[in-house]
Amino acid sequence: MLKNIEDYQINLQSDGELLLNIEQKLVGLKINNFAELSDFFIQHKISSLTDLHEYVRSKKCDLELTLLLGQLLVRVQQIKHGTLSKFYSSVQVGHYLVDLFNGESQEQLLAIYLDTKNRVLAQKVIFKGSLNKSVAHPREILEPAIRFHSAAIIIAHNHPSGDTAPSKEDVDFSTKLRDACSIIGIECLDHFIVGEGTYLSLREAALI
């Protein structure tokens, strides 16, 4: 039970928080620089991500480091494939989206399609451009949702200005999408607005 709680808490950490906790754990193991980290890898015969994965699963690795490195390996694979496999909370989704939109200079609308267990079926950039100027319509989001047999969707868009305050168009579009989703039996879980290093959940803000 304790392991499940710790694993869940690690899932909610941002990438930066995860790396900081790994760094603190390594310092506790007297690994303070890359040379000492290299010695640690040599000592435990770690020369690839596969070796690291096997080490993490072995009894040589203590529980906390196992959870931290295990989550790091999961996220490396997620970055490689461009998506997460499952969402546990709005906090985790928010952190994921902040990392995903980092450095984007143009506004984009993204849809994430989920099954009944909040596992990610697909994610798709719906359009690039601001909501108040775009011709985007809920059907552009819902057509893939039907094709993927989605039970729920999350949408998100970034504000390159860094300000996460929602516009009237943002709220109106969310309401229109929510209503369209309800007609076909798909749940619109949330709409996130992502700024510079931060995010706003319209559901948590009671705006949808």
N, C-alpha and C. Protein backbone atom coordinates (compact mmCIF):
# COMPACT_ATOMS: atom_id res chain seq x y z
N MET A 1 0.83 -1.21 0.00
CA MET A 1 0.00 0.00 0.00
C MET A 1 0.86 1.26 0.00
N LEU A 2 1.91 1.26 0.86
CA LEU A 2 2.80 2.41 0.93
C LEU A 2 3.48 2.66 -0.40
N LYS A 3 3.93 1.58 -1.06
CA LYS A 3 4.57 1.73 -2.36
C LYS A 3 3.60 2.35 -3.36
N ASN A 4 2.34 1.93 -3.33
CA ASN A 4 1.35 2.49 -4.26
C ASN A 4 1.15 3.98 -4.03
N ILE A 5 1.13 4.39 -2.75
CA ILE A 5 0.98 5.81 -2.43
C ILE A 5 2.18 6.60 -2.92
N GLU A 6 3.40 6.09 -2.66
CA GLU A 6 4.61 6.78 -3.10
C GLU A 6 4.67 6.85 -4.62
N ASP A 7 4.30 5.76 -5.27
CA ASP A 7 4.32 5.73 -6.73
C ASP A 7 3.34 6.75 -7.29
N TYR A 8 2.16 6.85 -6.68
CA TYR A 8 1.14 7.83 -7.12
C TYR A 8 1.67 9.25 -6.95
N GLN A 9 2.33 9.53 -5.81
CA GLN A 9 2.86 10.87 -5.57
C GLN A 9 3.93 11.24 -6.58
N ILE A 10 4.76 10.27 -6.95
CA ILE A 10 5.81 10.52 -7.94
C ILE A 10 5.19 10.78 -9.30
N ASN A 11 4.09 10.11 -9.62
CA ASN A 11 3.39 10.35 -10.88
C ASN A 11 2.93 11.79 -11.01
N LEU A 12 2.64 12.44 -9.87
CA LEU A 12 2.12 13.81 -9.89
C LEU A 12 3.22 14.85 -9.99
N GLN A 13 4.48 14.45 -9.89
CA GLN A 13 5.57 15.41 -9.93
C GLN A 13 5.82 15.89 -11.36
N SER A 14 6.19 17.15 -11.48
CA SER A 14 6.62 17.65 -12.79
C SER A 14 7.97 17.03 -13.12
N ASP A 15 8.40 17.17 -14.38
CA ASP A 15 9.71 16.64 -14.76
C ASP A 15 10.82 17.27 -13.92
N GLY A 16 10.72 18.59 -13.68
CA GLY A 16 11.74 19.27 -12.88
C GLY A 16 11.79 18.76 -11.46
N GLU A 17 10.62 18.53 -10.86
CA GLU A 17 10.57 18.01 -9.48
C GLU A 17 11.13 16.60 -9.42
N LEU A 18 10.82 15.80 -10.42
CA LEU A 18 11.33 14.43 -10.46
C LEU A 18 12.86 14.41 -10.54
N LEU A 19 13.42 15.24 -11.42
CA LEU A 19 14.88 15.29 -11.56
C LEU A 19 15.54 15.82 -10.30
N LEU A 20 14.91 16.80 -9.65
CA LEU A 20 15.47 17.33 -8.40
C LEU A 20 15.49 16.26 -7.32
N ASN A 21 14.44 15.47 -7.22
CA ASN A 21 14.39 14.41 -6.22
C ASN A 21 15.40 13.31 -6.51
N ILE A 22 15.60 13.02 -7.80
CA ILE A 22 16.63 12.04 -8.17
C ILE A 22 18.01 12.57 -7.79
N GLU A 23 18.24 13.86 -8.07
CA GLU A 23 19.52 14.48 -7.71
C GLU A 23 19.76 14.39 -6.20
N GLN A 24 18.74 14.71 -5.41
CA GLN A 24 18.88 14.66 -3.95
C GLN A 24 19.15 13.24 -3.47
N LYS A 25 18.51 12.27 -4.10
CA LYS A 25 18.73 10.88 -3.73
C LYS A 25 20.15 10.44 -4.07
N LEU A 26 20.65 10.87 -5.23
CA LEU A 26 22.01 10.51 -5.64
C LEU A 26 23.05 11.14 -4.73
N VAL A 27 22.80 12.39 -4.30
CA VAL A 27 23.71 13.05 -3.36
C VAL A 27 23.75 12.25 -2.06
N GLY A 28 22.60 11.73 -1.65
CA GLY A 28 22.56 10.90 -0.45
C GLY A 28 23.37 9.63 -0.59
N LEU A 29 23.57 9.19 -1.84
CA LEU A 29 24.40 8.01 -2.11
C LEU A 29 25.84 8.42 -2.40
N LYS A 30 26.16 9.69 -2.09
CA LYS A 30 27.51 10.25 -2.29
C LYS A 30 27.88 10.31 -3.77
N ILE A 31 26.89 10.59 -4.60
CA ILE A 31 27.13 10.81 -6.03
C ILE A 31 26.89 12.29 -6.28
N ASN A 32 27.98 13.05 -6.40
CA ASN A 32 27.88 14.51 -6.47
C ASN A 32 28.23 15.09 -7.83
N ASN A 33 28.73 14.28 -8.74
CA ASN A 33 29.12 14.79 -10.05
C ASN A 33 29.05 13.65 -11.07
N PHE A 34 29.30 14.01 -12.34
CA PHE A 34 29.19 13.01 -13.40
C PHE A 34 30.24 11.91 -13.28
N ALA A 35 31.42 12.25 -12.78
CA ALA A 35 32.47 11.24 -12.61
C ALA A 35 32.02 10.17 -11.62
N GLU A 36 31.43 10.62 -10.50
CA GLU A 36 30.96 9.66 -9.50
C GLU A 36 29.74 8.89 -10.02
N LEU A 37 28.91 9.56 -10.84
CA LEU A 37 27.78 8.86 -11.44
C LEU A 37 28.27 7.80 -12.42
N SER A 38 29.33 8.14 -13.17
CA SER A 38 29.93 7.17 -14.10
C SER A 38 30.48 5.97 -13.34
N ASP A 39 31.14 6.23 -12.22
CA ASP A 39 31.66 5.13 -11.39
C ASP A 39 30.52 4.25 -10.88
N PHE A 40 29.42 4.91 -10.50
CA PHE A 40 28.24 4.17 -10.02
C PHE A 40 27.70 3.25 -11.11
N PHE A 41 27.63 3.77 -12.35
CA PHE A 41 27.15 2.96 -13.47
C PHE A 41 28.09 1.80 -13.75
N ILE A 42 29.39 2.06 -13.70
CA ILE A 42 30.37 1.00 -13.94
C ILE A 42 30.26 -0.08 -12.86
N GLN A 43 30.14 0.36 -11.61
CA GLN A 43 30.03 -0.57 -10.49
C GLN A 43 28.83 -1.50 -10.64
N HIS A 44 27.74 -0.95 -11.14
CA HIS A 44 26.52 -1.75 -11.27
C HIS A 44 26.28 -2.24 -12.70
N LYS A 45 27.32 -2.11 -13.55
CA LYS A 45 27.28 -2.62 -14.92
C LYS A 45 26.10 -2.04 -15.71
N ILE A 46 25.95 -0.73 -15.61
CA ILE A 46 24.89 -0.03 -16.33
C ILE A 46 25.50 0.74 -17.50
N SER A 47 25.24 0.29 -18.71
CA SER A 47 25.80 0.96 -19.88
C SER A 47 24.74 1.33 -20.91
N SER A 48 23.48 1.09 -20.59
CA SER A 48 22.38 1.42 -21.50
C SER A 48 21.10 1.60 -20.70
N LEU A 49 20.07 2.13 -21.37
CA LEU A 49 18.77 2.27 -20.70
C LEU A 49 18.21 0.91 -20.31
N THR A 50 18.52 -0.12 -21.10
CA THR A 50 18.07 -1.47 -20.76
C THR A 50 18.72 -1.94 -19.47
N ASP A 51 20.03 -1.68 -19.34
CA ASP A 51 20.74 -2.04 -18.10
C ASP A 51 20.16 -1.28 -16.92
N LEU A 52 19.87 0.02 -17.13
CA LEU A 52 19.32 0.83 -16.05
C LEU A 52 17.94 0.30 -15.64
N HIS A 53 17.16 -0.09 -16.63
CA HIS A 53 15.84 -0.65 -16.34
C HIS A 53 15.96 -1.93 -15.51
N GLU A 54 16.91 -2.78 -15.86
CA GLU A 54 17.11 -4.03 -15.11
C GLU A 54 17.60 -3.74 -13.70
N TYR A 55 18.46 -2.73 -13.56
CA TYR A 55 18.95 -2.36 -12.22
C TYR A 55 17.81 -1.85 -11.35
N VAL A 56 16.96 -1.01 -11.94
CA VAL A 56 15.84 -0.45 -11.18
C VAL A 56 14.92 -1.56 -10.67
N ARG A 57 14.78 -2.63 -11.45
CA ARG A 57 13.89 -3.72 -11.07
C ARG A 57 14.55 -4.73 -10.12
N SER A 58 15.85 -4.57 -9.89
CA SER A 58 16.57 -5.52 -9.04
C SER A 58 16.48 -5.13 -7.57
N LYS A 59 16.89 -6.04 -6.70
CA LYS A 59 16.87 -5.79 -5.26
C LYS A 59 18.03 -4.91 -4.81
N LYS A 60 18.97 -4.64 -5.72
CA LYS A 60 20.11 -3.79 -5.38
C LYS A 60 19.69 -2.33 -5.20
N CYS A 61 18.62 -1.96 -5.85
CA CYS A 61 18.16 -0.56 -5.85
C CYS A 61 17.14 -0.37 -4.73
N ASP A 62 17.34 0.66 -3.88
CA ASP A 62 16.39 0.85 -2.79
C ASP A 62 15.05 1.36 -3.33
N LEU A 63 14.01 1.27 -2.49
CA LEU A 63 12.64 1.50 -2.95
C LEU A 63 12.44 2.89 -3.54
N GLU A 64 12.89 3.92 -2.83
CA GLU A 64 12.64 5.29 -3.30
C GLU A 64 13.34 5.55 -4.63
N LEU A 65 14.60 5.11 -4.74
CA LEU A 65 15.33 5.31 -5.99
C LEU A 65 14.70 4.47 -7.10
N THR A 66 14.20 3.29 -6.77
CA THR A 66 13.51 2.46 -7.75
C THR A 66 12.31 3.20 -8.34
N LEU A 67 11.50 3.82 -7.46
CA LEU A 67 10.32 4.54 -7.92
C LEU A 67 10.70 5.76 -8.77
N LEU A 68 11.71 6.50 -8.31
CA LEU A 68 12.12 7.71 -9.02
C LEU A 68 12.70 7.39 -10.39
N LEU A 69 13.64 6.44 -10.43
CA LEU A 69 14.26 6.08 -11.71
C LEU A 69 13.27 5.37 -12.62
N GLY A 70 12.39 4.58 -12.02
CA GLY A 70 11.36 3.91 -12.82
C GLY A 70 10.46 4.91 -13.51
N GLN A 71 10.06 5.96 -12.79
CA GLN A 71 9.23 7.00 -13.39
C GLN A 71 10.00 7.78 -14.45
N LEU A 72 11.30 8.00 -14.21
CA LEU A 72 12.13 8.69 -15.21
C LEU A 72 12.19 7.88 -16.50
N LEU A 73 12.38 6.58 -16.38
CA LEU A 73 12.45 5.72 -17.57
C LEU A 73 11.12 5.73 -18.32
N VAL A 74 10.02 5.72 -17.58
CA VAL A 74 8.70 5.78 -18.21
C VAL A 74 8.57 7.07 -19.01
N ARG A 75 9.02 8.18 -18.42
CA ARG A 75 8.86 9.48 -19.10
C ARG A 75 9.79 9.60 -20.30
N VAL A 76 10.97 8.98 -20.22
CA VAL A 76 11.86 8.97 -21.38
C VAL A 76 11.17 8.28 -22.55
N GLN A 77 10.53 7.15 -22.28
CA GLN A 77 9.81 6.43 -23.32
C GLN A 77 8.61 7.23 -23.82
N GLN A 78 7.95 7.93 -22.92
CA GLN A 78 6.81 8.75 -23.31
C GLN A 78 7.23 9.89 -24.22
N ILE A 79 8.37 10.49 -23.91
CA ILE A 79 8.90 11.55 -24.77
C ILE A 79 9.24 10.99 -26.15
N LYS A 80 9.82 9.79 -26.16
CA LYS A 80 10.19 9.14 -27.41
C LYS A 80 8.96 8.93 -28.29
N HIS A 81 7.85 8.51 -27.66
CA HIS A 81 6.63 8.23 -28.42
C HIS A 81 5.69 9.43 -28.49
N GLY A 82 6.03 10.51 -27.75
CA GLY A 82 5.26 11.75 -27.85
C GLY A 82 3.96 11.77 -27.09
N THR A 83 3.80 10.87 -26.11
CA THR A 83 2.54 10.87 -25.36
C THR A 83 2.72 10.18 -24.03
N LEU A 84 1.78 10.40 -23.11
CA LEU A 84 1.72 9.65 -21.87
C LEU A 84 0.79 8.46 -22.06
N SER A 85 0.88 7.47 -21.17
CA SER A 85 0.03 6.29 -21.31
C SER A 85 -1.24 6.39 -20.48
N LYS A 86 -1.19 7.12 -19.36
CA LYS A 86 -2.36 7.21 -18.49
C LYS A 86 -2.27 8.46 -17.64
N PHE A 87 -3.43 9.08 -17.36
CA PHE A 87 -3.47 10.24 -16.49
C PHE A 87 -4.17 9.88 -15.18
N TYR A 88 -3.63 10.42 -14.09
CA TYR A 88 -4.17 10.14 -12.77
C TYR A 88 -4.87 11.35 -12.15
N SER A 89 -4.51 12.55 -12.56
CA SER A 89 -5.09 13.75 -11.93
C SER A 89 -4.89 14.95 -12.84
N SER A 90 -5.61 16.03 -12.53
CA SER A 90 -5.44 17.26 -13.29
C SER A 90 -4.05 17.85 -13.09
N VAL A 91 -3.46 17.61 -11.92
CA VAL A 91 -2.10 18.09 -11.66
C VAL A 91 -1.12 17.44 -12.62
N GLN A 92 -1.22 16.13 -12.78
CA GLN A 92 -0.33 15.43 -13.69
C GLN A 92 -0.53 15.90 -15.13
N VAL A 93 -1.78 16.07 -15.52
CA VAL A 93 -2.07 16.56 -16.87
C VAL A 93 -1.47 17.94 -17.07
N GLY A 94 -1.66 18.81 -16.07
CA GLY A 94 -1.12 20.17 -16.16
C GLY A 94 0.38 20.19 -16.33
N HIS A 95 1.10 19.40 -15.52
CA HIS A 95 2.56 19.33 -15.63
C HIS A 95 2.98 18.81 -17.01
N TYR A 96 2.27 17.79 -17.48
CA TYR A 96 2.58 17.22 -18.78
C TYR A 96 2.43 18.27 -19.88
N LEU A 97 1.34 19.03 -19.82
CA LEU A 97 1.08 20.03 -20.85
C LEU A 97 2.06 21.19 -20.79
N VAL A 98 2.46 21.59 -19.59
CA VAL A 98 3.47 22.65 -19.46
C VAL A 98 4.76 22.23 -20.16
N ASP A 99 5.17 20.98 -19.93
CA ASP A 99 6.38 20.47 -20.59
C ASP A 99 6.18 20.36 -22.09
N LEU A 100 4.98 19.92 -22.50
CA LEU A 100 4.71 19.71 -23.92
C LEU A 100 4.71 21.01 -24.71
N PHE A 101 4.12 22.06 -24.15
CA PHE A 101 4.01 23.34 -24.86
C PHE A 101 5.23 24.25 -24.66
N ASN A 102 6.18 23.82 -23.86
CA ASN A 102 7.35 24.65 -23.58
C ASN A 102 8.06 25.07 -24.87
N GLY A 103 8.25 26.38 -25.04
CA GLY A 103 8.96 26.90 -26.20
C GLY A 103 8.09 27.16 -27.42
N GLU A 104 6.80 26.82 -27.35
CA GLU A 104 5.91 27.05 -28.50
C GLU A 104 5.59 28.53 -28.61
N SER A 105 5.85 29.11 -29.77
CA SER A 105 5.62 30.54 -29.96
C SER A 105 4.27 30.84 -30.60
N GLN A 106 3.60 29.80 -31.08
CA GLN A 106 2.29 29.97 -31.72
C GLN A 106 1.24 29.21 -30.92
N GLU A 107 0.06 29.79 -30.81
CA GLU A 107 -1.02 29.13 -30.07
C GLU A 107 -1.46 27.87 -30.80
N GLN A 108 -1.67 26.81 -30.04
CA GLN A 108 -2.12 25.54 -30.60
C GLN A 108 -3.25 24.98 -29.75
N LEU A 109 -4.17 24.28 -30.39
CA LEU A 109 -5.22 23.56 -29.67
C LEU A 109 -4.94 22.07 -29.80
N LEU A 110 -4.86 21.41 -28.66
CA LEU A 110 -4.52 19.99 -28.61
C LEU A 110 -5.69 19.22 -28.00
N ALA A 111 -5.96 18.05 -28.53
CA ALA A 111 -6.97 17.16 -27.94
C ALA A 111 -6.30 15.86 -27.53
N ILE A 112 -6.64 15.39 -26.33
CA ILE A 112 -6.14 14.12 -25.82
C ILE A 112 -7.35 13.20 -25.65
N TYR A 113 -7.26 12.02 -26.25
CA TYR A 113 -8.38 11.09 -26.27
C TYR A 113 -8.12 9.94 -25.29
N LEU A 114 -9.09 9.66 -24.42
CA LEU A 114 -8.92 8.70 -23.33
C LEU A 114 -9.96 7.59 -23.39
N ASP A 115 -9.59 6.44 -22.80
CA ASP A 115 -10.57 5.37 -22.66
C ASP A 115 -11.26 5.47 -21.31
N THR A 116 -12.00 4.46 -20.92
CA THR A 116 -12.78 4.53 -19.67
C THR A 116 -11.91 4.53 -18.43
N LYS A 117 -10.62 4.14 -18.56
CA LYS A 117 -9.71 4.12 -17.42
C LYS A 117 -8.69 5.27 -17.48
N ASN A 118 -9.00 6.28 -18.28
CA ASN A 118 -8.13 7.45 -18.46
C ASN A 118 -6.78 7.10 -19.08
N ARG A 119 -6.74 5.99 -19.79
CA ARG A 119 -5.54 5.67 -20.56
C ARG A 119 -5.59 6.43 -21.88
N VAL A 120 -4.44 6.91 -22.29
CA VAL A 120 -4.38 7.75 -23.49
C VAL A 120 -4.46 6.88 -24.74
N LEU A 121 -5.45 7.15 -25.55
CA LEU A 121 -5.60 6.46 -26.83
C LEU A 121 -4.83 7.17 -27.93
N ALA A 122 -4.87 8.50 -27.87
CA ALA A 122 -4.18 9.31 -28.89
C ALA A 122 -4.19 10.76 -28.45
N GLN A 123 -3.31 11.54 -29.06
CA GLN A 123 -3.37 12.99 -28.89
C GLN A 123 -3.14 13.62 -30.25
N LYS A 124 -3.80 14.74 -30.48
CA LYS A 124 -3.80 15.32 -31.83
C LYS A 124 -3.84 16.83 -31.75
N VAL A 125 -2.98 17.49 -32.51
CA VAL A 125 -3.05 18.94 -32.65
C VAL A 125 -4.20 19.24 -33.62
N ILE A 126 -5.21 19.95 -33.11
CA ILE A 126 -6.40 20.21 -33.91
C ILE A 126 -6.18 21.38 -34.86
N PHE A 127 -5.57 22.42 -34.37
CA PHE A 127 -5.23 23.55 -35.23
C PHE A 127 -4.20 24.43 -34.55
N LYS A 128 -3.63 25.33 -35.33
CA LYS A 128 -2.73 26.35 -34.82
C LYS A 128 -3.35 27.71 -35.10
N GLY A 129 -3.42 28.55 -34.08
CA GLY A 129 -4.05 29.86 -34.22
C GLY A 129 -4.97 30.10 -33.04
N SER A 130 -5.32 31.34 -32.76
CA SER A 130 -6.11 31.65 -31.57
C SER A 130 -7.57 31.24 -31.75
N LEU A 131 -8.23 30.92 -30.63
CA LEU A 131 -9.61 30.46 -30.68
C LEU A 131 -10.55 31.52 -31.25
N ASN A 132 -10.27 32.78 -30.99
CA ASN A 132 -11.21 33.81 -31.45
C ASN A 132 -11.07 34.09 -32.95
N LYS A 133 -10.03 33.60 -33.58
CA LYS A 133 -9.83 33.83 -35.01
C LYS A 133 -9.98 32.56 -35.83
N SER A 134 -9.94 31.44 -35.17
CA SER A 134 -9.95 30.17 -35.88
C SER A 134 -11.36 29.76 -36.26
N VAL A 135 -11.45 28.92 -37.27
CA VAL A 135 -12.74 28.37 -37.67
C VAL A 135 -12.95 27.00 -37.03
N ALA A 136 -12.18 26.69 -36.01
CA ALA A 136 -12.29 25.40 -35.33
C ALA A 136 -13.70 25.17 -34.83
N HIS A 137 -14.15 23.93 -34.98
CA HIS A 137 -15.50 23.56 -34.55
C HIS A 137 -15.38 22.28 -33.73
N PRO A 138 -16.28 22.06 -32.76
CA PRO A 138 -16.21 20.83 -31.97
C PRO A 138 -16.12 19.56 -32.80
N ARG A 139 -16.72 19.54 -33.99
CA ARG A 139 -16.69 18.31 -34.79
C ARG A 139 -15.26 17.92 -35.16
N GLU A 140 -14.36 18.91 -35.28
CA GLU A 140 -12.97 18.60 -35.61
C GLU A 140 -12.29 17.84 -34.48
N ILE A 141 -12.79 18.03 -33.26
CA ILE A 141 -12.28 17.30 -32.10
C ILE A 141 -13.02 15.98 -31.94
N LEU A 142 -14.32 15.98 -32.22
CA LEU A 142 -15.15 14.81 -31.96
C LEU A 142 -15.03 13.73 -33.02
N GLU A 143 -14.73 14.08 -34.25
CA GLU A 143 -14.57 13.06 -35.28
C GLU A 143 -13.47 12.07 -34.92
N PRO A 144 -12.26 12.53 -34.51
CA PRO A 144 -11.24 11.57 -34.06
C PRO A 144 -11.68 10.82 -32.80
N ALA A 145 -12.41 11.49 -31.91
CA ALA A 145 -12.88 10.83 -30.68
C ALA A 145 -13.74 9.63 -31.01
N ILE A 146 -14.61 9.77 -31.98
CA ILE A 146 -15.46 8.65 -32.40
C ILE A 146 -14.61 7.57 -33.06
N ARG A 147 -13.66 7.98 -33.88
CA ARG A 147 -12.79 7.02 -34.57
C ARG A 147 -11.95 6.21 -33.59
N PHE A 148 -11.50 6.87 -32.50
CA PHE A 148 -10.68 6.18 -31.49
C PHE A 148 -11.52 5.47 -30.43
N HIS A 149 -12.85 5.55 -30.54
CA HIS A 149 -13.76 4.96 -29.55
C HIS A 149 -13.45 5.52 -28.16
N SER A 150 -13.30 6.82 -28.08
CA SER A 150 -12.93 7.48 -26.82
C SER A 150 -14.11 7.55 -25.87
N ALA A 151 -13.79 7.41 -24.58
CA ALA A 151 -14.81 7.61 -23.54
C ALA A 151 -14.79 9.04 -23.03
N ALA A 152 -13.63 9.69 -23.18
CA ALA A 152 -13.48 11.06 -22.67
C ALA A 152 -12.40 11.78 -23.45
N ILE A 153 -12.43 13.10 -23.36
CA ILE A 153 -11.39 13.91 -24.00
C ILE A 153 -10.96 15.02 -23.05
N ILE A 154 -9.74 15.45 -23.26
CA ILE A 154 -9.21 16.66 -22.62
C ILE A 154 -8.70 17.54 -23.74
N ILE A 155 -9.01 18.82 -23.68
CA ILE A 155 -8.43 19.73 -24.66
C ILE A 155 -7.52 20.72 -23.93
N ALA A 156 -6.59 21.25 -24.67
CA ALA A 156 -5.65 22.21 -24.09
C ALA A 156 -5.15 23.14 -25.18
N HIS A 157 -4.91 24.38 -24.81
CA HIS A 157 -4.23 25.27 -25.74
C HIS A 157 -3.30 26.18 -24.94
N ASN A 158 -2.30 26.67 -25.61
CA ASN A 158 -1.30 27.50 -24.95
C ASN A 158 -1.52 28.98 -25.26
N HIS A 159 -1.12 29.81 -24.32
CA HIS A 159 -1.07 31.25 -24.52
C HIS A 159 0.41 31.65 -24.57
N PRO A 160 0.96 31.89 -25.75
CA PRO A 160 2.38 32.25 -25.85
C PRO A 160 2.74 33.49 -25.04
N SER A 161 1.77 34.31 -24.72
CA SER A 161 2.03 35.50 -23.89
C SER A 161 2.43 35.12 -22.47
N GLY A 162 2.09 33.88 -22.07
CA GLY A 162 2.40 33.43 -20.72
C GLY A 162 1.26 33.59 -19.75
N ASP A 163 0.25 34.37 -20.12
CA ASP A 163 -0.89 34.64 -19.24
C ASP A 163 -1.94 33.54 -19.43
N THR A 164 -2.33 32.87 -18.34
CA THR A 164 -3.29 31.78 -18.45
C THR A 164 -4.74 32.23 -18.25
N ALA A 165 -4.97 33.52 -18.10
CA ALA A 165 -6.35 34.01 -17.91
C ALA A 165 -7.19 33.66 -19.14
N PRO A 166 -8.33 32.98 -18.95
CA PRO A 166 -9.14 32.57 -20.10
C PRO A 166 -9.91 33.75 -20.70
N SER A 167 -10.01 33.76 -22.01
CA SER A 167 -10.82 34.77 -22.68
C SER A 167 -12.27 34.28 -22.74
N LYS A 168 -13.17 35.16 -23.12
CA LYS A 168 -14.57 34.77 -23.29
C LYS A 168 -14.68 33.70 -24.35
N GLU A 169 -13.87 33.81 -25.41
CA GLU A 169 -13.88 32.81 -26.48
C GLU A 169 -13.45 31.44 -25.96
N ASP A 170 -12.46 31.43 -25.05
CA ASP A 170 -12.00 30.16 -24.47
C ASP A 170 -13.14 29.46 -23.74
N VAL A 171 -13.84 30.21 -22.91
CA VAL A 171 -14.94 29.65 -22.11
C VAL A 171 -16.10 29.23 -23.01
N ASP A 172 -16.43 30.07 -23.98
CA ASP A 172 -17.54 29.75 -24.89
C ASP A 172 -17.26 28.48 -25.69
N PHE A 173 -16.01 28.35 -26.17
CA PHE A 173 -15.65 27.17 -26.94
C PHE A 173 -15.73 25.92 -26.07
N SER A 174 -15.28 26.03 -24.82
CA SER A 174 -15.32 24.90 -23.89
C SER A 174 -16.76 24.45 -23.65
N THR A 175 -17.64 25.42 -23.45
CA THR A 175 -19.05 25.11 -23.21
C THR A 175 -19.69 24.45 -24.42
N LYS A 176 -19.38 24.98 -25.60
CA LYS A 176 -19.92 24.40 -26.83
C LYS A 176 -19.43 22.97 -27.01
N LEU A 177 -18.15 22.74 -26.73
CA LEU A 177 -17.59 21.39 -26.87
C LEU A 177 -18.21 20.44 -25.84
N ARG A 178 -18.33 20.90 -24.61
CA ARG A 178 -18.93 20.07 -23.55
C ARG A 178 -20.33 19.63 -23.94
N ASP A 179 -21.12 20.56 -24.46
CA ASP A 179 -22.50 20.25 -24.85
C ASP A 179 -22.53 19.27 -26.02
N ALA A 180 -21.62 19.45 -26.97
CA ALA A 180 -21.56 18.54 -28.11
C ALA A 180 -21.14 17.14 -27.67
N CYS A 181 -20.20 17.08 -26.73
CA CYS A 181 -19.74 15.78 -26.21
C CYS A 181 -20.88 15.03 -25.53
N SER A 182 -21.67 15.75 -24.76
CA SER A 182 -22.74 15.11 -24.00
C SER A 182 -23.78 14.47 -24.92
N ILE A 183 -23.96 15.03 -26.10
CA ILE A 183 -24.94 14.50 -27.05
C ILE A 183 -24.55 13.11 -27.54
N ILE A 184 -23.24 12.89 -27.71
CA ILE A 184 -22.78 11.60 -28.25
C ILE A 184 -22.18 10.69 -27.18
N GLY A 185 -22.34 11.07 -25.91
CA GLY A 185 -21.92 10.19 -24.83
C GLY A 185 -20.44 10.16 -24.55
N ILE A 186 -19.74 11.23 -24.88
CA ILE A 186 -18.31 11.35 -24.57
C ILE A 186 -18.16 12.46 -23.54
N GLU A 187 -17.34 12.21 -22.53
CA GLU A 187 -17.18 13.21 -21.47
C GLU A 187 -16.04 14.16 -21.79
N CYS A 188 -16.32 15.44 -21.71
CA CYS A 188 -15.27 16.46 -21.85
C CYS A 188 -14.74 16.73 -20.44
N LEU A 189 -13.59 16.15 -20.13
CA LEU A 189 -13.08 16.20 -18.76
C LEU A 189 -12.58 17.58 -18.36
N ASP A 190 -11.90 18.26 -19.28
CA ASP A 190 -11.29 19.53 -18.89
C ASP A 190 -10.77 20.27 -20.10
N HIS A 191 -10.53 21.54 -19.90
CA HIS A 191 -9.85 22.39 -20.88
C HIS A 191 -8.75 23.11 -20.12
N PHE A 192 -7.52 22.89 -20.54
CA PHE A 192 -6.36 23.51 -19.90
C PHE A 192 -5.85 24.66 -20.75
N ILE A 193 -5.49 25.74 -20.10
CA ILE A 193 -4.78 26.84 -20.75
C ILE A 193 -3.37 26.86 -20.16
N VAL A 194 -2.39 26.81 -21.04
CA VAL A 194 -1.00 26.68 -20.60
C VAL A 194 -0.25 27.97 -20.88
N GLY A 195 0.42 28.48 -19.86
CA GLY A 195 1.25 29.67 -20.01
C GLY A 195 2.71 29.32 -19.80
N GLU A 196 3.51 30.29 -19.47
CA GLU A 196 4.94 30.09 -19.26
C GLU A 196 5.17 29.42 -17.91
N GLY A 197 5.39 28.10 -17.94
CA GLY A 197 5.68 27.36 -16.72
C GLY A 197 4.49 27.16 -15.81
N THR A 198 3.28 27.43 -16.29
CA THR A 198 2.09 27.28 -15.45
C THR A 198 0.89 26.91 -16.31
N TYR A 199 -0.22 26.61 -15.64
CA TYR A 199 -1.42 26.22 -16.38
C TYR A 199 -2.67 26.58 -15.57
N LEU A 200 -3.80 26.59 -16.27
CA LEU A 200 -5.09 26.79 -15.62
C LEU A 200 -6.04 25.69 -16.09
N SER A 201 -6.69 25.02 -15.16
CA SER A 201 -7.74 24.06 -15.47
C SER A 201 -9.08 24.78 -15.40
N LEU A 202 -9.79 24.84 -16.51
CA LEU A 202 -11.09 25.51 -16.51
C LEU A 202 -12.09 24.78 -15.64
N ARG A 203 -11.96 23.46 -15.53
CA ARG A 203 -12.87 22.72 -14.66
C ARG A 203 -12.61 23.06 -13.20
N GLU A 204 -11.34 23.10 -12.79
CA GLU A 204 -11.03 23.45 -11.41
C GLU A 204 -11.42 24.89 -11.10
N ALA A 205 -11.39 25.73 -12.13
CA ALA A 205 -11.80 27.13 -11.95
C ALA A 205 -13.32 27.30 -12.06
N ALA A 206 -14.02 26.16 -12.22
CA ALA A 206 -15.49 26.15 -12.32
C ALA A 206 -16.00 26.98 -13.50
N LEU A 207 -15.24 26.94 -14.61
CA LEU A 207 -15.63 27.70 -15.79
C LEU A 207 -16.28 26.83 -16.85
N ILE A 208 -16.27 25.50 -16.63
CA ILE A 208 -17.01 24.59 -17.51
C ILE A 208 -17.70 23.54 -16.65
